[in-house]
């Protein structure tokens, strides 16, 4: 179950249909791009560092904004795969 305070960052999805395990790339991407500190705290409690790093190294194409990707990549000390990186405009 996705908490109410995380749901606004998944506004374009039916949150009742999202599965925390199956849809983790989508959830991680949206929360890191748009989330509050409360939402990111939940994210870090819910997913492993490896799950998060995987979303940064292999980003969903066209889903990240440049500033968010740069910030989180520096924080987790990873580099996104160049072939997958297309930022939102």
PDB file of N, CA and C in Angstrom:
ATOM      1  N   UNK A   1       0.841  -1.187   0.000  1.00  0.00           N
ATOM      2  CA  UNK A   1       0.000   0.000   0.000  1.00  0.00           C
ATOM      3  C   UNK A   1       0.884   1.247   0.000  1.00  0.00           C
ATOM      4  N   UNK A   2       0.605   2.124  -0.896  1.00  0.00           N
ATOM      5  CA  UNK A   2       1.359   3.366  -1.003  1.00  0.00           C
ATOM      6  C   UNK A   2       0.705   4.398  -0.081  1.00  0.00           C
ATOM      7  N   UNK A   3       1.492   4.984   0.825  1.00  0.00           N
ATOM      8  CA  UNK A   3       0.919   5.943   1.776  1.00  0.00           C
ATOM      9  C   UNK A   3       0.308   7.162   1.086  1.00  0.00           C
ATOM     10  N   UNK A   4      -0.649   7.767   1.752  1.00  0.00           N
ATOM     11  CA  UNK A   4      -1.334   8.951   1.212  1.00  0.00           C
ATOM     12  C   UNK A   4      -0.357  10.073   0.882  1.00  0.00           C
ATOM     13  N   UNK A   5       0.681  10.263   1.702  1.00  0.00           N
ATOM     14  CA  UNK A   5       1.608  11.372   1.482  1.00  0.00           C
ATOM     15  C   UNK A   5       2.554  11.131   0.305  1.00  0.00           C
ATOM     16  N   UNK A   6       2.566   9.922  -0.241  1.00  0.00           N
ATOM     17  CA  UNK A   6       3.374   9.612  -1.430  1.00  0.00           C
ATOM     18  C   UNK A   6       2.512   9.689  -2.691  1.00  0.00           C
ATOM     19  N   UNK A   7       1.239   9.467  -2.564  1.00  0.00           N
ATOM     20  CA  UNK A   7       0.334   9.394  -3.709  1.00  0.00           C
ATOM     21  C   UNK A   7       0.329  10.629  -4.609  1.00  0.00           C
ATOM     22  N   UNK A   8       0.476  11.855  -4.090  1.00  0.00           N
ATOM     23  CA  UNK A   8       0.493  13.016  -4.997  1.00  0.00           C
ATOM     24  C   UNK A   8       1.629  12.984  -6.020  1.00  0.00           C
ATOM     25  N   UNK A   9       2.685  12.253  -5.730  1.00  0.00           N
ATOM     26  CA  UNK A   9       3.826  12.193  -6.640  1.00  0.00           C
ATOM     27  C   UNK A   9       3.655  11.099  -7.694  1.00  0.00           C
ATOM     28  N   UNK A  10       2.549  10.409  -7.592  1.00  0.00           N
ATOM     29  CA  UNK A  10       2.178   9.379  -8.569  1.00  0.00           C
ATOM     30  C   UNK A  10       0.815   9.738  -9.158  1.00  0.00           C
ATOM     31  N   UNK A  11       0.588  11.022  -9.306  1.00  0.00           N
ATOM     32  CA  UNK A  11      -0.726  11.557  -9.677  1.00  0.00           C
ATOM     33  C   UNK A  11      -1.274  11.011 -10.989  1.00  0.00           C
ATOM     34  N   UNK A  12      -0.409  10.622 -11.915  1.00  0.00           N
ATOM     35  CA  UNK A  12      -0.913  10.162 -13.215  1.00  0.00           C
ATOM     36  C   UNK A  12      -1.147   8.647 -13.259  1.00  0.00           C
ATOM     37  N   UNK A  13      -1.053   8.002 -12.114  1.00  0.00           N
ATOM     38  CA  UNK A  13      -1.231   6.551 -12.042  1.00  0.00           C
ATOM     39  C   UNK A  13      -2.371   6.212 -11.091  1.00  0.00           C
ATOM     40  N   UNK A  14      -2.964   5.069 -11.318  1.00  0.00           N
ATOM     41  CA  UNK A  14      -3.959   4.543 -10.393  1.00  0.00           C
ATOM     42  C   UNK A  14      -3.179   3.910  -9.247  1.00  0.00           C
ATOM     43  N   UNK A  15      -3.025   4.635  -8.146  1.00  0.00           N
ATOM     44  CA  UNK A  15      -2.175   4.152  -7.056  1.00  0.00           C
ATOM     45  C   UNK A  15      -2.691   2.851  -6.449  1.00  0.00           C
ATOM     46  N   UNK A  16      -3.979   2.600  -6.552  1.00  0.00           N
ATOM     47  CA  UNK A  16      -4.518   1.338  -6.040  1.00  0.00           C
ATOM     48  C   UNK A  16      -4.058   0.152  -6.885  1.00  0.00           C
ATOM     49  N   UNK A  17      -3.703   0.409  -8.135  1.00  0.00           N
ATOM     50  CA  UNK A  17      -3.246  -0.660  -9.026  1.00  0.00           C
ATOM     51  C   UNK A  17      -1.729  -0.836  -8.987  1.00  0.00           C
ATOM     52  N   UNK A  18      -1.019   0.133  -8.419  1.00  0.00           N
ATOM     53  CA  UNK A  18       0.438   0.025  -8.343  1.00  0.00           C
ATOM     54  C   UNK A  18       0.834  -0.987  -7.276  1.00  0.00           C
ATOM     55  N   UNK A  19       1.853  -1.763  -7.587  1.00  0.00           N
ATOM     56  CA  UNK A  19       2.392  -2.740  -6.655  1.00  0.00           C
ATOM     57  C   UNK A  19       3.784  -2.267  -6.235  1.00  0.00           C
ATOM     58  N   UNK A  20       4.048  -2.216  -4.946  1.00  0.00           N
ATOM     59  CA  UNK A  20       5.319  -1.681  -4.440  1.00  0.00           C
ATOM     60  C   UNK A  20       6.513  -2.438  -5.004  1.00  0.00           C
ATOM     61  N   UNK A  21       6.384  -3.716  -5.204  1.00  0.00           N
ATOM     62  CA  UNK A  21       7.497  -4.500  -5.754  1.00  0.00           C
ATOM     63  C   UNK A  21       7.547  -4.424  -7.281  1.00  0.00           C
ATOM     64  N   UNK A  22       6.446  -4.729  -7.915  1.00  0.00           N
ATOM     65  CA  UNK A  22       6.404  -4.766  -9.379  1.00  0.00           C
ATOM     66  C   UNK A  22       6.688  -3.399 -10.004  1.00  0.00           C
ATOM     67  N   UNK A  23       6.191  -2.348  -9.406  1.00  0.00           N
ATOM     68  CA  UNK A  23       6.291  -1.003  -9.977  1.00  0.00           C
ATOM     69  C   UNK A  23       7.341  -0.135  -9.288  1.00  0.00           C
ATOM     70  N   UNK A  24       8.338  -0.773  -8.697  1.00  0.00           N
ATOM     71  CA  UNK A  24       9.308  -0.005  -7.916  1.00  0.00           C
ATOM     72  C   UNK A  24      10.083   1.011  -8.737  1.00  0.00           C
ATOM     73  N   UNK A  25      10.401   0.706  -9.986  1.00  0.00           N
ATOM     74  CA  UNK A  25      11.132   1.685 -10.807  1.00  0.00           C
ATOM     75  C   UNK A  25      10.303   2.950 -11.011  1.00  0.00           C
ATOM     76  N   UNK A  26       9.035   2.796 -11.283  1.00  0.00           N
ATOM     77  CA  UNK A  26       8.137   3.937 -11.466  1.00  0.00           C
ATOM     78  C   UNK A  26       8.018   4.738 -10.175  1.00  0.00           C
ATOM     79  N   UNK A  27       7.805   4.044  -9.070  1.00  0.00           N
ATOM     80  CA  UNK A  27       7.627   4.711  -7.779  1.00  0.00           C
ATOM     81  C   UNK A  27       8.903   5.437  -7.369  1.00  0.00           C
ATOM     82  N   UNK A  28      10.038   4.761  -7.461  1.00  0.00           N
ATOM     83  CA  UNK A  28      11.317   5.379  -7.095  1.00  0.00           C
ATOM     84  C   UNK A  28      11.579   6.601  -7.966  1.00  0.00           C
ATOM     85  N   UNK A  29      11.385   6.464  -9.258  1.00  0.00           N
ATOM     86  CA  UNK A  29      11.628   7.576 -10.185  1.00  0.00           C
ATOM     87  C   UNK A  29      10.775   8.788  -9.828  1.00  0.00           C
ATOM     88  N   UNK A  30       9.489   8.584  -9.630  1.00  0.00           N
ATOM     89  CA  UNK A  30       8.598   9.716  -9.351  1.00  0.00           C
ATOM     90  C   UNK A  30       8.890  10.364  -8.003  1.00  0.00           C
ATOM     91  N   UNK A  31       9.154   9.560  -6.995  1.00  0.00           N
ATOM     92  CA  UNK A  31       9.422  10.136  -5.675  1.00  0.00           C
ATOM     93  C   UNK A  31      10.748  10.890  -5.673  1.00  0.00           C
ATOM     94  N   UNK A  32      11.776  10.359  -6.315  1.00  0.00           N
ATOM     95  CA  UNK A  32      13.049  11.080  -6.350  1.00  0.00           C
ATOM     96  C   UNK A  32      12.954  12.350  -7.189  1.00  0.00           C
ATOM     97  N   UNK A  33      12.148  12.334  -8.218  1.00  0.00           N
ATOM     98  CA  UNK A  33      11.964  13.531  -9.050  1.00  0.00           C
ATOM     99  C   UNK A  33      11.115  14.598  -8.369  1.00  0.00           C
ATOM    100  N   UNK A  34      10.067  14.183  -7.674  1.00  0.00           N
ATOM    101  CA  UNK A  34       9.033  15.120  -7.233  1.00  0.00           C
ATOM    102  C   UNK A  34       8.774  15.147  -5.731  1.00  0.00           C
ATOM    103  N   UNK A  35       9.261  14.147  -5.015  1.00  0.00           N
ATOM    104  CA  UNK A  35       8.844  13.940  -3.638  1.00  0.00           C
ATOM    105  C   UNK A  35       9.367  14.917  -2.607  1.00  0.00           C
ATOM    106  N   UNK A  36       8.657  14.964  -1.501  1.00  0.00           N
ATOM    107  CA  UNK A  36       9.049  15.741  -0.327  1.00  0.00           C
ATOM    108  C   UNK A  36      10.029  14.919   0.508  1.00  0.00           C
ATOM    109  N   UNK A  37      10.558  15.522   1.558  1.00  0.00           N
ATOM    110  CA  UNK A  37      11.459  14.772   2.433  1.00  0.00           C
ATOM    111  C   UNK A  37      10.715  13.618   3.111  1.00  0.00           C
ATOM    112  N   UNK A  38       9.445  13.809   3.433  1.00  0.00           N
ATOM    113  CA  UNK A  38       8.655  12.723   4.024  1.00  0.00           C
ATOM    114  C   UNK A  38       8.517  11.558   3.041  1.00  0.00           C
ATOM    115  N   UNK A  39       8.265  11.869   1.786  1.00  0.00           N
ATOM    116  CA  UNK A  39       8.123  10.826   0.763  1.00  0.00           C
ATOM    117  C   UNK A  39       9.451  10.116   0.511  1.00  0.00           C
ATOM    118  N   UNK A  40      10.549  10.867   0.470  1.00  0.00           N
ATOM    119  CA  UNK A  40      11.845  10.214   0.242  1.00  0.00           C
ATOM    120  C   UNK A  40      12.260   9.389   1.460  1.00  0.00           C
ATOM    121  N   UNK A  41      11.916   9.832   2.668  1.00  0.00           N
ATOM    122  CA  UNK A  41      12.190   9.010   3.860  1.00  0.00           C
ATOM    123  C   UNK A  41      11.470   7.671   3.753  1.00  0.00           C
ATOM    124  N   UNK A  42      10.206   7.705   3.335  1.00  0.00           N
ATOM    125  CA  UNK A  42       9.454   6.462   3.136  1.00  0.00           C
ATOM    126  C   UNK A  42      10.132   5.595   2.074  1.00  0.00           C
ATOM    127  N   UNK A  43      10.566   6.238   0.988  1.00  0.00           N
ATOM    128  CA  UNK A  43      11.220   5.521  -0.101  1.00  0.00           C
ATOM    129  C   UNK A  43      12.458   4.781   0.405  1.00  0.00           C
ATOM    130  N   UNK A  44      13.285   5.471   1.201  1.00  0.00           N
ATOM    131  CA  UNK A  44      14.517   4.863   1.709  1.00  0.00           C
ATOM    132  C   UNK A  44      14.232   3.755   2.717  1.00  0.00           C
ATOM    133  N   UNK A  45      13.107   3.821   3.399  1.00  0.00           N
ATOM    134  CA  UNK A  45      12.709   2.745   4.310  1.00  0.00           C
ATOM    135  C   UNK A  45      12.112   1.559   3.562  1.00  0.00           C
ATOM    136  N   UNK A  46      11.574   1.809   2.379  1.00  0.00           N
ATOM    137  CA  UNK A  46      10.856   0.783   1.620  1.00  0.00           C
ATOM    138  C   UNK A  46      11.758   0.026   0.652  1.00  0.00           C
ATOM    139  N   UNK A  47      12.695   0.731   0.033  1.00  0.00           N
ATOM    140  CA  UNK A  47      13.552   0.132  -0.995  1.00  0.00           C
ATOM    141  C   UNK A  47      15.009   0.127  -0.556  1.00  0.00           C
ATOM    142  N   UNK A  48      15.753  -0.825  -1.088  1.00  0.00           N
ATOM    143  CA  UNK A  48      17.180  -0.909  -0.765  1.00  0.00           C
ATOM    144  C   UNK A  48      17.962   0.134  -1.555  1.00  0.00           C
ATOM    145  N   UNK A  49      19.166   0.413  -1.095  1.00  0.00           N
ATOM    146  CA  UNK A  49      20.044   1.308  -1.847  1.00  0.00           C
ATOM    147  C   UNK A  49      20.306   0.751  -3.240  1.00  0.00           C
ATOM    148  N   UNK A  50      20.387  -0.555  -3.356  1.00  0.00           N
ATOM    149  CA  UNK A  50      20.615  -1.176  -4.670  1.00  0.00           C
ATOM    150  C   UNK A  50      19.429  -0.942  -5.600  1.00  0.00           C
ATOM    151  N   UNK A  51      18.220  -1.039  -5.086  1.00  0.00           N
ATOM    152  CA  UNK A  51      17.028  -0.744  -5.898  1.00  0.00           C
ATOM    153  C   UNK A  51      17.089   0.687  -6.421  1.00  0.00           C
ATOM    154  N   UNK A  52      17.430   1.607  -5.538  1.00  0.00           N
ATOM    155  CA  UNK A  52      17.476   3.021  -5.907  1.00  0.00           C
ATOM    156  C   UNK A  52      18.605   3.279  -6.896  1.00  0.00           C
ATOM    157  N   UNK A  53      19.771   2.716  -6.626  1.00  0.00           N
ATOM    158  CA  UNK A  53      20.911   2.893  -7.540  1.00  0.00           C
ATOM    159  C   UNK A  53      20.589   2.340  -8.921  1.00  0.00           C
ATOM    160  N   UNK A  54      19.908   1.212  -8.971  1.00  0.00           N
ATOM    161  CA  UNK A  54      19.538   0.621 -10.258  1.00  0.00           C
ATOM    162  C   UNK A  54      18.653   1.571 -11.068  1.00  0.00           C
ATOM    163  N   UNK A  55      17.748   2.271 -10.396  1.00  0.00           N
ATOM    164  CA  UNK A  55      16.886   3.243 -11.092  1.00  0.00           C
ATOM    165  C   UNK A  55      17.682   4.435 -11.596  1.00  0.00           C
ATOM    166  N   UNK A  56      18.760   4.764 -10.913  1.00  0.00           N
ATOM    167  CA  UNK A  56      19.607   5.876 -11.339  1.00  0.00           C
ATOM    168  C   UNK A  56      20.540   5.468 -12.473  1.00  0.00           C
ATOM    169  N   UNK A  57      21.099   4.283 -12.376  1.00  0.00           N
ATOM    170  CA  UNK A  57      22.025   3.799 -13.405  1.00  0.00           C
ATOM    171  C   UNK A  57      21.279   3.444 -14.686  1.00  0.00           C
ATOM    172  N   UNK A  58      20.093   2.890 -14.548  1.00  0.00           N
ATOM    173  CA  UNK A  58      19.263   2.490 -15.696  1.00  0.00           C
ATOM    174  C   UNK A  58      17.939   3.248 -15.647  1.00  0.00           C
ATOM    175  N   UNK A  59      17.972   4.554 -15.887  1.00  0.00           N
ATOM    176  CA  UNK A  59      16.760   5.366 -15.721  1.00  0.00           C
ATOM    177  C   UNK A  59      15.693   5.069 -16.767  1.00  0.00           C
ATOM    178  N   UNK A  60      14.458   5.274 -16.368  1.00  0.00           N
ATOM    179  CA  UNK A  60      13.360   5.200 -17.329  1.00  0.00           C
ATOM    180  C   UNK A  60      13.540   6.366 -18.302  1.00  0.00           C
ATOM    181  N   UNK A  61      13.671   6.086 -19.590  1.00  0.00           N
ATOM    182  CA  UNK A  61      13.938   7.158 -20.565  1.00  0.00           C
ATOM    183  C   UNK A  61      12.859   8.238 -20.565  1.00  0.00           C
ATOM    184  N   UNK A  62      13.319   9.482 -20.524  1.00  0.00           N
ATOM    185  CA  UNK A  62      12.413  10.613 -20.610  1.00  0.00           C
ATOM    186  C   UNK A  62      11.625  10.916 -19.352  1.00  0.00           C
ATOM    187  N   UNK A  63      11.938  10.252 -18.254  1.00  0.00           N
ATOM    188  CA  UNK A  63      11.160  10.417 -17.024  1.00  0.00           C
ATOM    189  C   UNK A  63      11.836  11.292 -15.972  1.00  0.00           C
ATOM    190  N   UNK A  64      13.123  11.529 -16.110  1.00  0.00           N
ATOM    191  CA  UNK A  64      13.871  12.273 -15.098  1.00  0.00           C
ATOM    192  C   UNK A  64      14.064  13.716 -15.513  1.00  0.00           C
ATOM    193  N   UNK A  65      14.063  14.622 -14.528  1.00  0.00           N
ATOM    194  CA  UNK A  65      14.520  15.964 -14.843  1.00  0.00           C
ATOM    195  C   UNK A  65      16.014  16.013 -14.522  1.00  0.00           C
ATOM    196  N   UNK A  66      16.732  16.828 -15.239  1.00  0.00           N
ATOM    197  CA  UNK A  66      18.187  16.859 -15.169  1.00  0.00           C
ATOM    198  C   UNK A  66      18.697  17.157 -13.761  1.00  0.00           C
ATOM    199  N   UNK A  67      18.102  18.110 -13.085  1.00  0.00           N
ATOM    200  CA  UNK A  67      18.564  18.480 -11.741  1.00  0.00           C
ATOM    201  C   UNK A  67      18.381  17.335 -10.746  1.00  0.00           C
ATOM    202  N   UNK A  68      17.258  16.655 -10.814  1.00  0.00           N
ATOM    203  CA  UNK A  68      17.027  15.531  -9.903  1.00  0.00           C
ATOM    204  C   UNK A  68      18.011  14.406 -10.166  1.00  0.00           C
ATOM    205  N   UNK A  69      18.210  14.071 -11.436  1.00  0.00           N
ATOM    206  CA  UNK A  69      19.147  12.998 -11.774  1.00  0.00           C
ATOM    207  C   UNK A  69      20.553  13.344 -11.302  1.00  0.00           C
ATOM    208  N   UNK A  70      20.981  14.569 -11.533  1.00  0.00           N
ATOM    209  CA  UNK A  70      22.318  14.989 -11.112  1.00  0.00           C
ATOM    210  C   UNK A  70      22.453  14.907  -9.594  1.00  0.00           C
ATOM    211  N   UNK A  71      21.479  15.430  -8.877  1.00  0.00           N
ATOM    212  CA  UNK A  71      21.517  15.420  -7.414  1.00  0.00           C
ATOM    213  C   UNK A  71      21.602  13.998  -6.860  1.00  0.00           C
ATOM    214  N   UNK A  72      20.675  13.138  -7.256  1.00  0.00           N
ATOM    215  CA  UNK A  72      20.625  11.792  -6.696  1.00  0.00           C
ATOM    216  C   UNK A  72      21.802  10.941  -7.154  1.00  0.00           C
ATOM    217  N   UNK A  73      22.279  11.145  -8.366  1.00  0.00           N
ATOM    218  CA  UNK A  73      23.457  10.408  -8.841  1.00  0.00           C
ATOM    219  C   UNK A  73      24.686  10.773  -8.018  1.00  0.00           C
ATOM    220  N   UNK A  74      24.831  12.047  -7.698  1.00  0.00           N
ATOM    221  CA  UNK A  74      25.949  12.473  -6.844  1.00  0.00           C
ATOM    222  C   UNK A  74      25.805  11.899  -5.440  1.00  0.00           C
ATOM    223  N   UNK A  75      24.611  11.937  -4.908  1.00  0.00           N
ATOM    224  CA  UNK A  75      24.374  11.441  -3.559  1.00  0.00           C
ATOM    225  C   UNK A  75      24.654   9.941  -3.446  1.00  0.00           C
ATOM    226  N   UNK A  76      24.282   9.188  -4.469  1.00  0.00           N
ATOM    227  CA  UNK A  76      24.478   7.737  -4.454  1.00  0.00           C
ATOM    228  C   UNK A  76      25.767   7.304  -5.147  1.00  0.00           C
ATOM    229  N   UNK A  77      26.530   8.276  -5.641  1.00  0.00           N
ATOM    230  CA  UNK A  77      27.822   8.023  -6.282  1.00  0.00           C
ATOM    231  C   UNK A  77      27.702   7.017  -7.435  1.00  0.00           C
ATOM    232  N   UNK A  78      26.782   7.299  -8.343  1.00  0.00           N
ATOM    233  CA  UNK A  78      26.583   6.465  -9.532  1.00  0.00           C
ATOM    234  C   UNK A  78      26.499   7.360 -10.763  1.00  0.00           C
ATOM    235  N   UNK A  79      26.661   6.738 -11.918  1.00  0.00           N
ATOM    236  CA  UNK A  79      26.509   7.444 -13.199  1.00  0.00           C
ATOM    237  C   UNK A  79      25.438   6.729 -14.007  1.00  0.00           C
ATOM    238  N   UNK A  80      24.477   7.484 -14.530  1.00  0.00           N
ATOM    239  CA  UNK A  80      23.444   6.851 -15.353  1.00  0.00           C
ATOM    240  C   UNK A  80      24.024   6.334 -16.664  1.00  0.00           C
ATOM    241  N   UNK A  81      23.460   5.250 -17.139  1.00  0.00           N
ATOM    242  CA  UNK A  81      23.834   4.704 -18.443  1.00  0.00           C
ATOM    243  C   UNK A  81      23.477   5.742 -19.502  1.00  0.00           C
ATOM    244  N   UNK A  82      24.470   6.194 -20.252  1.00  0.00           N
ATOM    245  CA  UNK A  82      24.273   7.280 -21.225  1.00  0.00           C
ATOM    246  C   UNK A  82      23.194   6.970 -22.264  1.00  0.00           C
ATOM    247  N   UNK A  83      23.075   5.725 -22.665  1.00  0.00           N
ATOM    248  CA  UNK A  83      22.111   5.391 -23.717  1.00  0.00           C
ATOM    249  C   UNK A  83      20.661   5.524 -23.248  1.00  0.00           C
ATOM    250  N   UNK A  84      20.437   5.513 -21.935  1.00  0.00           N
ATOM    251  CA  UNK A  84      19.074   5.598 -21.404  1.00  0.00           C
ATOM    252  C   UNK A  84      18.660   6.997 -20.989  1.00  0.00           C
ATOM    253  N   UNK A  85      19.607   7.915 -20.956  1.00  0.00           N
ATOM    254  CA  UNK A  85      19.308   9.226 -20.390  1.00  0.00           C
ATOM    255  C   UNK A  85      18.675  10.150 -21.419  1.00  0.00           C
ATOM    256  N   UNK A  86      17.415  10.437 -21.204  1.00  0.00           N
ATOM    257  CA  UNK A  86      16.680  11.482 -21.925  1.00  0.00           C
ATOM    258  C   UNK A  86      15.881  12.197 -20.861  1.00  0.00           C
ATOM    259  N   UNK A  87      16.151  13.467 -20.700  1.00  0.00           N
ATOM    260  CA  UNK A  87      15.527  14.216 -19.621  1.00  0.00           C
ATOM    261  C   UNK A  87      14.239  14.879 -20.067  1.00  0.00           C
ATOM    262  N   UNK A  88      13.398  15.132 -19.088  1.00  0.00           N
ATOM    263  CA  UNK A  88      12.198  15.923 -19.333  1.00  0.00           C
ATOM    264  C   UNK A  88      12.612  17.336 -19.681  1.00  0.00           C
ATOM    265  N   UNK A  89      11.851  17.978 -20.511  1.00  0.00           N
ATOM    266  CA  UNK A  89      12.167  19.365 -20.869  1.00  0.00           C
ATOM    267  C   UNK A  89      11.304  20.308 -20.091  1.00  0.00           C
TER     268      UNK A  89
END
